[in-house]
Protein backbone atom coordinates (compact mmCIF):
# COMPACT_ATOMS: atom_id res chain seq x y z
CA MET A 1 -158.42 -44.82 -47.09
CA LYS A 2 -156.67 -42.31 -44.76
CA ARG A 3 -156.66 -44.94 -41.86
CA ILE A 4 -155.19 -47.61 -44.29
CA LEU A 5 -152.50 -45.35 -45.39
CA LYS A 6 -151.87 -44.34 -41.79
CA TRP A 7 -151.38 -47.95 -40.77
CA ILE A 8 -149.18 -48.74 -43.86
CA GLY A 9 -147.00 -45.76 -42.90
CA ALA A 10 -146.73 -46.79 -39.32
CA THR A 11 -145.84 -50.43 -40.25
CA ILE A 12 -143.15 -49.20 -42.58
CA LEU A 13 -141.70 -47.03 -39.92
CA LEU A 14 -141.77 -49.69 -37.34
CA ALA A 15 -140.16 -52.18 -39.70
CA LEU A 16 -137.41 -49.56 -40.43
CA ILE A 17 -136.80 -48.86 -36.67
CA LEU A 18 -136.74 -52.72 -35.99
CA SER A 19 -134.17 -53.19 -38.84
CA ILE A 20 -131.90 -50.48 -37.62
CA PHE A 21 -132.04 -51.84 -34.11
CA ALA A 22 -131.40 -55.45 -35.31
CA GLY A 23 -128.55 -54.22 -37.44
CA PHE A 24 -127.09 -52.38 -34.44
CA ILE A 25 -127.23 -55.56 -32.24
CA ALA A 26 -125.83 -57.73 -35.18
CA TYR A 27 -122.96 -55.27 -35.59
CA TRP A 28 -121.93 -55.33 -31.91
CA ARG A 29 -122.48 -59.08 -31.56
CA SER A 30 -120.34 -59.97 -34.60
CA THR A 31 -116.95 -61.05 -33.19
CA ASN A 32 -114.51 -63.83 -33.37
CA ASP A 33 -112.26 -65.91 -30.97
CA CYS A 34 -109.25 -63.72 -31.34
CA ASP A 35 -109.87 -62.23 -27.97
CA ARG A 36 -110.32 -65.48 -26.24
CA LYS A 37 -106.75 -66.46 -25.50
CA THR A 38 -106.31 -69.99 -24.25
CA ALA A 39 -103.30 -72.07 -23.78
CA LEU A 40 -102.34 -74.15 -26.79
CA VAL A 41 -102.03 -77.92 -26.21
CA ASN A 42 -100.77 -78.88 -29.88
CA PRO A 43 -99.67 -75.67 -31.56
CA MET A 44 -99.10 -75.30 -35.25
CA LYS A 45 -98.47 -72.46 -37.60
CA ALA A 46 -101.24 -70.89 -39.47
CA ILE A 47 -102.39 -67.64 -41.23
CA HIS A 48 -105.19 -65.86 -39.49
CA PHE A 49 -106.73 -62.30 -39.23
CA CYS A 50 -108.69 -60.71 -36.52
CA GLU A 51 -109.93 -57.47 -38.19
CA TYR A 52 -110.92 -56.58 -41.61
CA GLY A 53 -108.29 -54.78 -43.67
CA SER A 54 -105.33 -54.84 -46.20
CA PRO A 55 -102.91 -57.84 -46.22
CA ASP A 56 -101.17 -56.22 -43.18
CA VAL A 57 -103.86 -57.93 -40.98
CA LEU A 58 -102.63 -61.35 -42.08
CA LYS A 59 -100.69 -62.94 -39.11
CA PHE A 60 -98.37 -65.96 -39.23
CA GLU A 61 -98.83 -67.37 -35.63
CA ASP A 62 -99.46 -70.40 -33.55
CA VAL A 63 -102.95 -71.84 -33.39
CA GLU A 64 -104.35 -75.01 -32.07
CA LYS A 65 -103.77 -78.02 -34.28
CA PRO A 66 -107.22 -79.47 -35.58
CA VAL A 67 -108.46 -82.93 -34.71
CA PRO A 68 -110.19 -84.81 -37.36
CA ASN A 69 -113.93 -85.68 -36.85
CA ASP A 70 -115.08 -89.34 -37.30
CA ASP A 71 -115.60 -88.62 -41.04
CA GLN A 72 -112.59 -86.55 -41.70
CA VAL A 73 -108.84 -86.92 -42.44
CA LEU A 74 -106.10 -84.78 -41.01
CA ILE A 75 -103.83 -83.51 -43.72
CA ARG A 76 -100.27 -82.23 -43.35
CA VAL A 77 -100.46 -79.34 -45.77
CA ARG A 78 -97.66 -79.20 -48.47
CA ALA A 79 -99.28 -76.49 -50.62
CA ALA A 80 -102.33 -74.31 -50.94
CA SER A 81 -103.37 -71.41 -53.24
CA LEU A 82 -105.16 -68.14 -53.21
CA ASN A 83 -108.53 -67.70 -54.81
CA PHE A 84 -110.77 -64.77 -55.61
CA ILE A 85 -112.78 -65.19 -52.26
CA ASP A 86 -109.62 -64.80 -50.12
CA PRO A 87 -109.05 -61.01 -50.51
CA GLY A 88 -113.00 -60.49 -50.13
CA LEU A 89 -112.87 -62.21 -46.75
CA MET A 90 -109.89 -60.43 -45.57
CA ARG A 91 -111.06 -56.97 -46.58
CA GLY A 92 -114.84 -57.54 -45.97
CA PRO A 93 -116.66 -55.08 -48.25
CA TRP A 94 -119.97 -54.08 -46.69
CA PRO A 95 -122.31 -56.26 -48.68
CA LEU A 96 -120.20 -59.35 -47.97
CA ARG A 97 -120.12 -58.57 -44.20
CA LEU A 98 -123.82 -59.46 -44.07
CA MET A 99 -122.64 -63.06 -44.30
CA THR A 100 -119.09 -62.79 -42.87
CA GLY A 101 -119.62 -60.66 -39.80
CA LEU A 102 -120.58 -56.98 -39.74
CA ARG A 103 -118.02 -55.62 -37.19
CA LYS A 104 -115.28 -58.35 -37.19
CA PRO A 105 -114.67 -61.38 -39.49
CA GLU A 106 -116.39 -64.52 -38.09
CA ARG A 107 -114.13 -66.71 -40.25
CA THR A 108 -110.42 -65.71 -39.51
CA ARG A 109 -108.58 -68.32 -41.39
CA PRO A 110 -108.28 -68.00 -45.15
CA GLY A 111 -107.68 -70.72 -47.70
CA THR A 112 -109.66 -73.46 -49.47
CA ASP A 113 -107.44 -75.35 -51.90
CA VAL A 114 -105.18 -77.99 -50.41
CA ALA A 115 -102.60 -80.61 -51.26
CA GLY A 116 -100.58 -82.66 -48.84
CA GLN A 117 -100.22 -86.05 -47.04
CA VAL A 118 -102.79 -87.80 -44.88
CA ASP A 119 -101.53 -87.59 -41.34
CA ALA A 120 -104.39 -89.26 -39.50
CA VAL A 121 -107.80 -90.66 -40.12
CA GLY A 122 -110.96 -90.12 -38.10
CA LYS A 123 -112.56 -92.90 -35.91
CA ASN A 124 -114.79 -94.05 -38.93
CA PRO A 125 -112.37 -95.05 -41.65
CA ALA A 126 -115.04 -96.08 -43.99
CA ALA A 127 -116.72 -92.56 -43.82
CA ALA A 128 -113.25 -91.07 -44.41
CA GLY A 129 -113.03 -92.80 -47.78
CA HIS A 130 -110.49 -95.48 -46.83
CA PHE A 131 -107.69 -92.98 -47.00
CA LYS A 132 -104.78 -93.96 -44.91
CA ALA A 133 -101.83 -92.19 -43.34
CA GLY A 134 -99.21 -91.28 -45.99
CA ASP A 135 -101.61 -90.89 -48.92
CA GLU A 136 -100.94 -87.96 -51.10
CA VAL A 137 -104.10 -86.04 -51.73
CA PHE A 138 -105.48 -82.76 -52.99
CA GLY A 139 -108.86 -81.03 -52.96
CA VAL A 140 -110.91 -78.71 -50.80
CA ALA A 141 -110.93 -77.90 -47.11
CA ARG A 142 -111.38 -74.82 -45.01
CA SER A 143 -108.56 -72.80 -43.42
CA THR A 144 -105.96 -74.43 -45.64
CA LEU A 145 -103.19 -71.82 -45.08
CA ALA A 146 -101.83 -73.75 -42.12
CA GLU A 147 -99.54 -76.59 -41.37
CA TYR A 148 -102.40 -78.86 -40.82
CA VAL A 149 -106.12 -79.03 -41.94
CA CYS A 150 -108.97 -81.32 -41.54
CA ALA A 151 -111.05 -82.43 -44.70
CA ARG A 152 -113.99 -84.72 -45.69
CA GLU A 153 -113.63 -87.56 -47.96
CA ARG A 154 -116.04 -86.14 -50.57
CA ALA A 155 -113.74 -83.15 -51.01
CA LEU A 156 -110.40 -85.11 -51.61
CA VAL A 157 -108.87 -87.43 -54.27
CA ILE A 158 -105.41 -89.05 -54.53
CA LYS A 159 -102.82 -86.83 -56.14
CA PRO A 160 -101.42 -88.10 -59.45
CA ALA A 161 -97.82 -89.26 -59.16
CA ASN A 162 -96.80 -86.92 -62.02
CA VAL A 163 -98.25 -83.80 -60.40
CA THR A 164 -96.35 -81.82 -57.80
CA PHE A 165 -97.87 -80.70 -54.45
CA GLU A 166 -97.68 -77.13 -55.73
CA GLN A 167 -99.58 -77.93 -58.91
CA ALA A 168 -102.13 -80.01 -57.02
CA GLY A 169 -102.60 -77.31 -54.41
CA SER A 170 -103.67 -74.81 -57.08
CA VAL A 171 -106.29 -76.97 -58.77
CA ALA A 172 -109.50 -77.17 -56.84
CA TRP A 173 -111.58 -73.94 -56.96
CA ALA A 174 -110.18 -72.56 -60.18
CA GLY A 175 -110.51 -75.94 -61.77
CA PHE A 176 -114.03 -76.28 -60.63
CA THR A 177 -114.95 -72.78 -61.79
CA ALA A 178 -113.55 -73.47 -65.32
CA LEU A 179 -115.04 -76.95 -65.69
CA GLN A 180 -118.54 -76.26 -64.36
CA GLY A 181 -118.69 -73.05 -66.37
CA LEU A 182 -117.78 -74.75 -69.62
CA ARG A 183 -120.25 -77.28 -68.84
CA LYS A 184 -122.91 -74.62 -68.15
CA GLY A 185 -122.11 -73.43 -71.71
CA ASN A 186 -123.01 -76.93 -72.96
CA ILE A 187 -119.43 -77.12 -74.71
CA GLN A 188 -119.25 -79.77 -77.45
CA PRO A 189 -116.40 -81.19 -79.63
CA GLY A 190 -115.60 -79.07 -82.74
CA GLN A 191 -117.37 -75.84 -81.30
CA LYS A 192 -115.56 -72.47 -81.34
CA VAL A 193 -115.00 -71.32 -77.81
CA LEU A 194 -113.61 -67.93 -76.74
CA ILE A 195 -111.98 -67.50 -73.16
CA ASN A 196 -112.16 -63.85 -72.20
CA GLY A 197 -109.50 -63.52 -69.49
CA ALA A 198 -107.37 -66.49 -70.39
CA THR A 199 -104.34 -66.09 -68.17
CA GLY A 200 -105.57 -66.01 -64.60
CA GLY A 201 -105.98 -69.02 -62.42
CA VAL A 202 -109.45 -69.87 -63.88
CA GLY A 203 -108.65 -68.67 -67.39
CA THR A 204 -105.60 -70.95 -67.69
CA PHE A 205 -107.71 -73.98 -66.58
CA ALA A 206 -110.58 -72.89 -68.95
CA VAL A 207 -108.20 -72.84 -72.01
CA GLN A 208 -106.84 -76.24 -71.34
CA ILE A 209 -110.23 -77.94 -70.25
CA ALA A 210 -112.00 -76.55 -73.40
CA LYS A 211 -109.26 -78.12 -75.53
CA SER A 212 -109.64 -81.40 -73.70
CA PHE A 213 -113.22 -81.37 -74.83
CA GLY A 214 -112.22 -81.06 -78.42
CA ALA A 215 -113.04 -77.39 -78.90
CA GLU A 216 -111.39 -74.73 -81.15
CA VAL A 217 -110.24 -72.41 -78.47
CA THR A 218 -109.57 -68.61 -78.83
CA GLY A 219 -107.89 -66.89 -75.80
CA VAL A 220 -108.09 -63.12 -75.02
CA CYS A 221 -105.23 -61.67 -73.02
CA ILE A 222 -102.83 -58.81 -72.91
CA THR A 223 -99.67 -58.52 -74.99
CA GLY A 224 -97.20 -59.77 -72.61
CA LYS A 225 -99.25 -63.04 -72.06
CA VAL A 226 -99.79 -64.00 -75.70
CA ASP A 227 -97.09 -66.60 -75.50
CA LEU A 228 -98.41 -68.22 -72.31
CA VAL A 229 -101.82 -68.62 -73.83
CA ARG A 230 -100.32 -70.29 -76.83
CA SER A 231 -98.27 -72.55 -74.72
CA ILE A 232 -101.27 -74.03 -73.03
CA GLY A 233 -102.87 -74.91 -76.20
CA ALA A 234 -105.09 -72.15 -77.45
CA ASP A 235 -105.62 -72.32 -81.14
CA HIS A 236 -105.92 -68.46 -81.60
CA VAL A 237 -104.95 -65.70 -79.37
CA ILE A 238 -106.33 -62.19 -79.31
CA ASP A 239 -104.29 -59.26 -77.76
CA TYR A 240 -107.02 -57.06 -76.38
CA THR A 241 -104.83 -54.00 -76.60
CA LYS A 242 -104.78 -54.38 -80.35
CA GLU A 243 -108.14 -55.94 -81.21
CA ASP A 244 -111.63 -55.99 -79.61
CA PHE A 245 -112.99 -59.53 -80.02
CA THR A 246 -116.56 -58.17 -80.30
CA LYS A 247 -115.59 -56.21 -83.37
CA GLY A 248 -114.33 -59.10 -85.42
CA ASP A 249 -115.99 -61.37 -87.95
CA GLN A 250 -115.60 -64.64 -86.03
CA ARG A 251 -118.74 -66.09 -84.22
CA TYR A 252 -118.46 -68.27 -81.24
CA ASP A 253 -120.57 -71.05 -79.86
CA VAL A 254 -119.44 -70.53 -76.21
CA ILE A 255 -117.99 -67.44 -74.72
CA PHE A 256 -116.51 -68.04 -71.30
CA ASP A 257 -116.32 -64.46 -70.11
CA ASN A 258 -114.00 -64.26 -67.09
CA VAL A 259 -113.88 -60.47 -67.34
CA ASN A 260 -117.36 -59.27 -68.41
CA ASN A 261 -116.03 -55.76 -69.76
CA HIS A 262 -118.21 -55.81 -72.83
CA SER A 263 -121.88 -54.90 -73.35
CA PHE A 264 -124.68 -57.38 -73.67
CA SER A 265 -125.27 -56.26 -77.35
CA ASP A 266 -121.62 -56.50 -78.26
CA ARG A 267 -121.29 -60.03 -77.04
CA ARG A 268 -124.45 -61.09 -78.74
CA ARG A 269 -123.00 -59.85 -81.99
CA VAL A 270 -120.17 -62.44 -82.00
CA LEU A 271 -122.30 -65.31 -80.63
CA THR A 272 -123.80 -67.94 -82.97
CA PRO A 273 -127.54 -67.86 -83.04
CA ASN A 274 -127.78 -70.60 -80.39
CA GLY A 275 -124.60 -69.46 -78.65
CA VAL A 276 -124.03 -69.35 -74.90
CA CYS A 277 -122.15 -66.72 -72.99
CA VAL A 278 -120.98 -67.95 -69.66
CA LEU A 279 -120.74 -65.20 -67.09
CA ALA A 280 -117.77 -66.48 -65.10
CA GLY A 281 -116.12 -63.59 -63.40
CA ILE A 282 -115.42 -59.83 -63.13
CA GLY A 283 -111.84 -59.64 -63.98
CA GLY A 284 -109.02 -60.03 -61.45
CA ALA A 285 -108.91 -60.56 -57.71
CA GLY A 286 -109.82 -58.29 -54.88
CA LEU A 287 -111.43 -54.90 -55.18
CA HIS A 288 -110.80 -53.00 -58.33
CA PRO A 289 -112.20 -50.16 -60.40
CA GLY A 290 -115.28 -51.00 -62.45
CA MET A 291 -115.99 -54.04 -60.25
CA LEU A 292 -119.58 -52.87 -59.18
CA GLY A 293 -120.37 -52.00 -62.76
CA ARG A 294 -119.43 -55.52 -64.00
CA VAL A 295 -121.43 -57.30 -61.24
CA VAL A 296 -124.57 -55.11 -62.44
CA GLY A 297 -123.69 -56.02 -65.98
CA ILE A 298 -123.75 -59.73 -65.24
CA LEU A 299 -127.21 -59.41 -63.69
CA LYS A 300 -128.47 -57.32 -66.48
CA ALA A 301 -127.09 -59.77 -69.24
CA ASN A 302 -128.60 -62.61 -67.60
CA LEU A 303 -131.98 -60.85 -67.36
CA LEU A 304 -131.88 -59.59 -70.95
CA SER A 305 -131.03 -62.97 -72.39
CA ARG A 306 -134.44 -64.32 -71.29
CA PHE A 307 -135.91 -62.29 -74.18
CA VAL A 308 -133.48 -63.46 -76.99
CA ARG A 309 -132.44 -66.93 -78.47
CA GLN A 310 -128.86 -66.59 -77.24
CA LYS A 311 -128.15 -67.22 -73.53
CA PHE A 312 -126.15 -65.46 -71.04
CA VAL A 313 -125.87 -67.77 -67.95
CA ARG A 314 -124.72 -67.41 -64.30
CA TYR A 315 -123.72 -70.32 -62.25
CA GLY A 316 -122.40 -71.01 -58.66
CA THR A 317 -119.04 -73.05 -58.27
CA GLU A 318 -119.61 -76.31 -56.09
CA THR A 319 -117.40 -78.82 -54.54
CA ASN A 320 -117.80 -82.08 -56.50
CA LYS A 321 -115.79 -85.21 -56.01
CA GLU A 322 -116.56 -86.44 -59.49
CA ASP A 323 -115.25 -83.20 -61.00
CA LEU A 324 -112.29 -83.32 -58.78
CA LYS A 325 -111.49 -86.84 -60.19
CA LEU A 326 -111.97 -85.61 -63.76
CA LEU A 327 -109.47 -82.79 -63.14
CA SER A 328 -107.12 -85.32 -61.52
CA ASP A 329 -107.50 -87.53 -64.67
CA LEU A 330 -106.92 -84.63 -67.08
CA MET A 331 -103.58 -83.82 -65.13
CA GLN A 332 -102.49 -87.50 -65.09
CA THR A 333 -102.90 -87.77 -68.90
CA GLY A 334 -101.11 -84.46 -69.44
CA LYS A 335 -104.24 -82.70 -70.99
CA VAL A 336 -104.24 -80.12 -68.14
CA LYS A 337 -101.16 -78.75 -66.48
CA PRO A 338 -101.64 -76.13 -63.68
CA VAL A 339 -99.96 -72.73 -64.50
CA ILE A 340 -98.21 -71.47 -61.44
CA ASP A 341 -97.05 -67.75 -61.54
CA ARG A 342 -95.27 -67.46 -58.19
CA SER A 343 -94.82 -69.56 -55.04
CA TYR A 344 -94.35 -68.21 -51.63
CA LYS A 345 -93.60 -69.59 -48.24
CA LEU A 346 -96.55 -69.81 -45.87
CA SER A 347 -95.01 -67.14 -43.69
CA GLU A 348 -94.92 -64.85 -46.73
CA THR A 349 -98.67 -64.84 -47.23
CA ALA A 350 -99.24 -61.23 -46.73
CA GLU A 351 -96.74 -60.49 -49.61
CA ALA A 352 -98.41 -63.10 -51.71
CA MET A 353 -101.83 -61.47 -51.21
CA ARG A 354 -100.58 -58.09 -52.26
CA TYR A 355 -99.25 -59.50 -55.44
CA PHE A 356 -102.53 -61.55 -55.96
CA GLU A 357 -104.74 -58.51 -55.41
CA GLN A 358 -102.89 -56.62 -58.21
CA GLY A 359 -104.96 -58.93 -60.65
CA HIS A 360 -102.15 -59.57 -63.01
CA ALA A 361 -101.04 -63.13 -62.08
CA ARG A 362 -100.10 -65.48 -64.86
CA GLY A 363 -102.00 -68.58 -63.53
CA LYS A 364 -102.04 -69.33 -59.77
CA VAL A 365 -100.36 -67.92 -56.71
CA VAL A 366 -99.24 -70.87 -54.40
CA LEU A 367 -98.17 -71.06 -50.78
CA THR A 368 -95.81 -73.79 -49.83
CA VAL A 369 -95.39 -75.42 -46.42
CA ASP A 370 -92.09 -77.01 -45.50
C-alpha cells in the first residue's frame, strides 16, 4: 500500500510539474500578428487590438483588405453591432484566455454581426449562394468592425427592403440568442412568458419574438425603461425597483431569464408545474459585480432541476441560416423591429464600447461605416 501511495503521489507531482511547464510555454507562445509589420497592398480601415485591456486598446487603423475564398462573398460593411462576447475578447479575463490566448489575444479583430452590400463573390458562385455584387445582405461574419469583411453563404440572407442597414446590422447574435432560447423553452401560443431583462439587445428581441409566437408576455425592467418595453409589445411590465416578480401571484409557463439574479427556489415558485426557465444570460455586458455568482447560479439551477418537475435549461447560441431567414421574415412583416439605443461611427468604437460595458443600453449599440 505504501508503494502504491508513493507512486500515486509521484504521478500527481509529475503531472503538476508538466502542467506548470506546459502553461509557461503556452503563455509565452501565445501571440498575434501585430508585431509582424508588412506592407499593405490593399489597405482598409478596421478596429483591432494587440493587447488585452480597456477600450483604450482598440485602434482604428489600416489593415489588409480581405480576399474572399471560393465559397465566400466580400461584403462592404455598412453597419455592425456590439455583442456580449466583444468586451470579453478585448479584456481577456483569465478563464477565457485559455481559449483566446494566455499572454496576448490571438483574435485581434472584434465584431460578429454585419449588414452591407456584396462587393465581390468567390470563384465558386454556387457555393457562395448565388449572391451577386450589389446585393444587400445581413448576418454573421468574423471581424466585422471594418470597412470590408468576408462571409460564407450559410451565415447570410438578403436584407428586407423595409429594414435599414443599422437595424439589420444589429440582428444576428442577439436575435439568435432570443429565438433559440425561447425555442429551448418550448414556447407555445397562449402561454404566459416572462422576460427578465427585457431592454437589452437580447431582451428586446425576446419580447417581440415571444409575442410573434402568440404568447402573453411580461417584461421585467427598471423604471426608466417601462415605456420602451410596452412600446415593443409586452402585455405586462414589471418595474423591478418596485416589485419582485418572484413574490407575485402570477405563474409563468416560460421564464426567459436574461439576468439570473434570483434563486432557484424563488423562480420555481412562479413557474407552472411543467414550466421551463431558460438560463439565457447574466445581466449586462462586460465584467460586472456578481457576474461569477450568477454563472455559478446558472450551473447550480441547471443541476438541481434534474431532480424536480420544472426545468432550468442552458443552451448555446448557434449560427443558423433558417433562423436568420425567420428573423428576416419577422422584420419584413413588422412583427420584430430592432431597437437601437445609440449609433457610433466606426472610428468611435472605443467610445461605443465604454458605453456598452456600462450594461444600461436600451436595445443595441451599432457601429456605422460610411
